[in-house]
PDB file of N, CA and C in Angstrom:
ATOM      1  N   MET A   1     101.410 111.829 104.508  1.00  0.00           N
ATOM      2  CA  MET A   1     101.316 110.447 104.881  1.00  0.00           C
ATOM      3  C   MET A   1      99.907 110.203 105.413  1.00  0.00           C
ATOM      4  N   SER A   2      99.384 109.048 105.150  1.00  0.00           N
ATOM      5  CA  SER A   2      97.993 108.752 105.456  1.00  0.00           C
ATOM      6  C   SER A   2      97.842 107.933 106.740  1.00  0.00           C
ATOM      7  N   ARG A   3      97.159 108.484 107.694  1.00  0.00           N
ATOM      8  CA  ARG A   3      96.877 107.731 108.922  1.00  0.00           C
ATOM      9  C   ARG A   3      95.961 106.556 108.624  1.00  0.00           C
ATOM     10  N   ALA A   4      95.078 106.721 107.649  1.00  0.00           N
ATOM     11  CA  ALA A   4      94.161 105.643 107.287  1.00  0.00           C
ATOM     12  C   ALA A   4      94.917 104.414 106.794  1.00  0.00           C
ATOM     13  N   GLU A   5      96.115 104.613 106.261  1.00  0.00           N
ATOM     14  CA  GLU A   5      96.939 103.503 105.784  1.00  0.00           C
ATOM     15  C   GLU A   5      97.900 103.005 106.859  1.00  0.00           C
ATOM     16  N   GLY A   6      97.858 103.581 108.047  1.00  0.00           N
ATOM     17  CA  GLY A   6      98.668 103.107 109.157  1.00  0.00           C
ATOM     18  C   GLY A   6      99.916 103.920 109.457  1.00  0.00           C
ATOM     19  N   TRP A   7     100.198 104.976 108.702  1.00  0.00           N
ATOM     20  CA  TRP A   7     101.390 105.796 108.940  1.00  0.00           C
ATOM     21  C   TRP A   7     101.183 106.663 110.175  1.00  0.00           C
ATOM     22  N   TYR A   8     102.236 106.837 110.967  1.00  0.00           N
ATOM     23  CA  TYR A   8     102.164 107.726 112.123  1.00  0.00           C
ATOM     24  C   TYR A   8     103.475 108.498 112.251  1.00  0.00           C
ATOM     25  N   LYS A   9     103.366 109.690 112.777  1.00  0.00           N
ATOM     26  CA  LYS A   9     104.520 110.574 112.920  1.00  0.00           C
ATOM     27  C   LYS A   9     105.356 110.134 114.116  1.00  0.00           C
ATOM     28  N   VAL A  10     106.670 109.996 113.896  1.00  0.00           N
ATOM     29  CA  VAL A  10     107.557 109.592 114.984  1.00  0.00           C
ATOM     30  C   VAL A  10     108.505 110.703 115.403  1.00  0.00           C
ATOM     31  N   GLY A  11     108.520 111.792 114.671  1.00  0.00           N
ATOM     32  CA  GLY A  11     109.379 112.897 115.071  1.00  0.00           C
ATOM     33  C   GLY A  11     109.509 113.947 113.999  1.00  0.00           C
ATOM     34  N   ASP A  12     110.120 115.040 114.395  1.00  0.00           N
ATOM     35  CA  ASP A  12     110.432 116.089 113.430  1.00  0.00           C
ATOM     36  C   ASP A  12     111.662 116.831 113.915  1.00  0.00           C
ATOM     37  N   LYS A  13     112.366 117.383 112.974  1.00  0.00           N
ATOM     38  CA  LYS A  13     113.563 118.151 113.296  1.00  0.00           C
ATOM     39  C   LYS A  13     113.751 119.164 112.184  1.00  0.00           C
ATOM     40  N   GLY A  14     113.867 120.413 112.569  1.00  0.00           N
ATOM     41  CA  GLY A  14     114.033 121.444 111.552  1.00  0.00           C
ATOM     42  C   GLY A  14     112.817 121.517 110.652  1.00  0.00           C
ATOM     43  N   ASP A  15     113.041 121.339 109.362  1.00  0.00           N
ATOM     44  CA  ASP A  15     111.928 121.458 108.420  1.00  0.00           C
ATOM     45  C   ASP A  15     111.527 120.111 107.824  1.00  0.00           C
ATOM     46  N   HIS A  16     111.746 119.012 108.568  1.00  0.00           N
ATOM     47  CA  HIS A  16     111.380 117.682 108.099  1.00  0.00           C
ATOM     48  C   HIS A  16     110.586 116.939 109.169  1.00  0.00           C
ATOM     49  N   GLU A  17     109.690 116.054 108.714  1.00  0.00           N
ATOM     50  CA  GLU A  17     108.928 115.190 109.607  1.00  0.00           C
ATOM     51  C   GLU A  17     109.251 113.745 109.254  1.00  0.00           C
ATOM     52  N   LYS A  18     109.277 112.876 110.260  1.00  0.00           N
ATOM     53  CA  LYS A  18     109.591 111.464 110.048  1.00  0.00           C
ATOM     54  C   LYS A  18     108.349 110.636 110.368  1.00  0.00           C
ATOM     55  N   TYR A  19     107.997 109.725 109.451  1.00  0.00           N
ATOM     56  CA  TYR A  19     106.826 108.868 109.608  1.00  0.00           C
ATOM     57  C   TYR A  19     107.232 107.405 109.569  1.00  0.00           C
ATOM     58  N   LYS A  20     106.476 106.569 110.278  1.00  0.00           N
ATOM     59  CA  LYS A  20     106.743 105.140 110.363  1.00  0.00           C
ATOM     60  C   LYS A  20     105.456 104.386 110.090  1.00  0.00           C
ATOM     61  N   HIS A  21     105.597 103.187 109.558  1.00  0.00           N
ATOM     62  CA  HIS A  21     104.463 102.300 109.314  1.00  0.00           C
ATOM     63  C   HIS A  21     104.726 101.010 110.079  1.00  0.00           C
ATOM     64  N   PRO A  22     103.738 100.455 110.766  1.00  0.00           N
ATOM     65  CA  PRO A  22     103.972  99.264 111.583  1.00  0.00           C
ATOM     66  C   PRO A  22     104.395  98.028 110.785  1.00  0.00           C
ATOM     67  N   GLU A  23     104.093  97.976 109.496  1.00  0.00           N
ATOM     68  CA  GLU A  23     104.430  96.801 108.692  1.00  0.00           C
ATOM     69  C   GLU A  23     105.677  96.994 107.836  1.00  0.00           C
ATOM     70  N   LYS A  24     106.318  98.144 107.936  1.00  0.00           N
ATOM     71  CA  LYS A  24     107.514  98.421 107.143  1.00  0.00           C
ATOM     72  C   LYS A  24     108.698  98.606 108.083  1.00  0.00           C
ATOM     73  N   SER A  25     109.878  98.205 107.622  1.00  0.00           N
ATOM     74  CA  SER A  25     111.043  98.242 108.500  1.00  0.00           C
ATOM     75  C   SER A  25     111.737  99.600 108.533  1.00  0.00           C
ATOM     76  N   ASP A  26     111.442 100.465 107.596  1.00  0.00           N
ATOM     77  CA  ASP A  26     112.117 101.756 107.519  1.00  0.00           C
ATOM     78  C   ASP A  26     111.126 102.885 107.772  1.00  0.00           C
ATOM     79  N   HIS A  27     111.606 104.101 107.757  1.00  0.00           N
ATOM     80  CA  HIS A  27     110.755 105.274 107.942  1.00  0.00           C
ATOM     81  C   HIS A  27     110.804 106.137 106.678  1.00  0.00           C
ATOM     82  N   VAL A  28     109.919 107.118 106.621  1.00  0.00           N
ATOM     83  CA  VAL A  28     109.852 108.054 105.500  1.00  0.00           C
ATOM     84  C   VAL A  28     110.045 109.460 106.048  1.00  0.00           C
ATOM     85  N   VAL A  29     110.927 110.220 105.419  1.00  0.00           N
ATOM     86  CA  VAL A  29     111.186 111.599 105.814  1.00  0.00           C
ATOM     87  C   VAL A  29     110.511 112.520 104.805  1.00  0.00           C
ATOM     88  N   VAL A  30     109.706 113.445 105.317  1.00  0.00           N
ATOM     89  CA  VAL A  30     108.937 114.356 104.470  1.00  0.00           C
ATOM     90  C   VAL A  30     109.242 115.791 104.882  1.00  0.00           C
ATOM     91  N   PRO A  31     109.601 116.661 103.929  1.00  0.00           N
ATOM     92  CA  PRO A  31     109.803 118.067 104.284  1.00  0.00           C
ATOM     93  C   PRO A  31     108.470 118.710 104.654  1.00  0.00           C
ATOM     94  N   HIS A  32     108.513 119.681 105.573  1.00  0.00           N
ATOM     95  CA  HIS A  32     107.299 120.420 105.901  1.00  0.00           C
ATOM     96  C   HIS A  32     106.745 121.022 104.619  1.00  0.00           C
ATOM     97  N   PRO A  33     105.426 121.057 104.513  1.00  0.00           N
ATOM     98  CA  PRO A  33     104.819 121.559 103.271  1.00  0.00           C
ATOM     99  C   PRO A  33     105.237 122.984 102.937  1.00  0.00           C
ATOM    100  N   ARG A  34     105.497 123.176 101.678  1.00  0.00           N
ATOM    101  CA  ARG A  34     105.766 124.506 101.136  1.00  0.00           C
ATOM    102  C   ARG A  34     104.711 124.750 100.065  1.00  0.00           C
ATOM    103  N   LYS A  35     104.797 125.878  99.438  1.00  0.00           N
ATOM    104  CA  LYS A  35     103.841 126.167  98.374  1.00  0.00           C
ATOM    105  C   LYS A  35     103.952 125.123  97.268  1.00  0.00           C
ATOM    106  N   ASP A  36     105.163 124.861  96.810  1.00  0.00           N
ATOM    107  CA  ASP A  36     105.392 123.871  95.761  1.00  0.00           C
ATOM    108  C   ASP A  36     106.480 122.908  96.205  1.00  0.00           C
ATOM    109  N   MET A  37     106.250 121.624  95.988  1.00  0.00           N
ATOM    110  CA  MET A  37     107.255 120.616  96.301  1.00  0.00           C
ATOM    111  C   MET A  37     107.838 120.121  94.985  1.00  0.00           C
ATOM    112  N   PRO A  38     109.153 120.057  94.869  1.00  0.00           N
ATOM    113  CA  PRO A  38     109.749 119.555  93.630  1.00  0.00           C
ATOM    114  C   PRO A  38     109.272 118.134  93.319  1.00  0.00           C
ATOM    115  N   ILE A  39     109.061 117.836  92.057  1.00  0.00           N
ATOM    116  CA  ILE A  39     108.546 116.536  91.629  1.00  0.00           C
ATOM    117  C   ILE A  39     109.468 115.403  92.065  1.00  0.00           C
ATOM    118  N   GLY A  40     110.778 115.638  92.043  1.00  0.00           N
ATOM    119  CA  GLY A  40     111.726 114.611  92.476  1.00  0.00           C
ATOM    120  C   GLY A  40     111.575 114.273  93.949  1.00  0.00           C
ATOM    121  N   THR A  41     111.293 115.271  94.769  1.00  0.00           N
ATOM    122  CA  THR A  41     111.073 115.046  96.198  1.00  0.00           C
ATOM    123  C   THR A  41     109.820 114.209  96.407  1.00  0.00           C
ATOM    124  N   LEU A  42     108.771 114.539  95.689  1.00  0.00           N
ATOM    125  CA  LEU A  42     107.519 113.794  95.805  1.00  0.00           C
ATOM    126  C   LEU A  42     107.696 112.346  95.351  1.00  0.00           C
ATOM    127  N   ARG A  43     108.408 112.137  94.257  1.00  0.00           N
ATOM    128  CA  ARG A  43     108.673 110.767  93.785  1.00  0.00           C
ATOM    129  C   ARG A  43     109.471 109.978  94.820  1.00  0.00           C
ATOM    130  N   ASN A  44     110.425 110.627  95.468  1.00  0.00           N
ATOM    131  CA  ASN A  44     111.228 109.951  96.481  1.00  0.00           C
ATOM    132  C   ASN A  44     110.380 109.560  97.691  1.00  0.00           C
ATOM    133  N   ILE A  45     109.448 110.407  98.085  1.00  0.00           N
ATOM    134  CA  ILE A  45     108.538 110.079  99.187  1.00  0.00           C
ATOM    135  C   ILE A  45     107.713 108.850  98.822  1.00  0.00           C
ATOM    136  N   TYR A  46     107.193 108.816  97.595  1.00  0.00           N
ATOM    137  CA  TYR A  46     106.421 107.657  97.134  1.00  0.00           C
ATOM    138  C   TYR A  46     107.275 106.393  97.180  1.00  0.00           C
ATOM    139  N   LYS A  47     108.512 106.499  96.718  1.00  0.00           N
ATOM    140  CA  LYS A  47     109.415 105.349  96.686  1.00  0.00           C
ATOM    141  C   LYS A  47     109.692 104.844  98.103  1.00  0.00           C
ATOM    142  N   GLN A  48     109.983 105.755  99.036  1.00  0.00           N
ATOM    143  CA  GLN A  48     110.260 105.372 100.421  1.00  0.00           C
ATOM    144  C   GLN A  48     109.049 104.699 101.063  1.00  0.00           C
ATOM    145  N   ALA A  49     107.852 105.172 100.712  1.00  0.00           N
ATOM    146  CA  ALA A  49     106.624 104.638 101.297  1.00  0.00           C
ATOM    147  C   ALA A  49     106.181 103.334 100.643  1.00  0.00           C
ATOM    148  N   GLY A  50     106.782 102.995  99.497  1.00  0.00           N
ATOM    149  CA  GLY A  50     106.384 101.785  98.789  1.00  0.00           C
ATOM    150  C   GLY A  50     105.139 101.977  97.949  1.00  0.00           C
ATOM    151  N   TRP A  51     104.832 103.224  97.622  1.00  0.00           N
ATOM    152  CA  TRP A  51     103.662 103.525  96.800  1.00  0.00           C
ATOM    153  C   TRP A  51     104.044 103.557  95.334  1.00  0.00           C
ATOM    154  N   GLU A  52     103.080 103.258  94.481  1.00  0.00           N
ATOM    155  CA  GLU A  52     103.301 103.290  93.038  1.00  0.00           C
ATOM    156  C   GLU A  52     103.141 104.719  92.526  1.00  0.00           C
ATOM    157  N   TRP A  53     104.121 105.176  91.760  1.00  0.00           N
ATOM    158  CA  TRP A  53     104.048 106.505  91.147  1.00  0.00           C
ATOM    159  C   TRP A  53     103.245 106.391  89.863  1.00  0.00           C
ATOM    160  N   ARG A  54     102.205 107.199  89.712  1.00  0.00           N
ATOM    161  CA  ARG A  54     101.362 107.142  88.509  1.00  0.00           C
ATOM    162  C   ARG A  54     101.485 108.403  87.723  1.00  0.00           C
TER     163      ARG A  54
END
């Protein structure tokens, strides 16, 4: 998540981190980085953040 875009960490539990954006009503949950992240997980993070998947 990008701090430059306004995202900030609001918590973590286990192997996940939760991020919030001041202009969005929901939060985004991101797993702690591993060597490889499944493509479906990455697409879901983009969707939750409102980013366009390219």
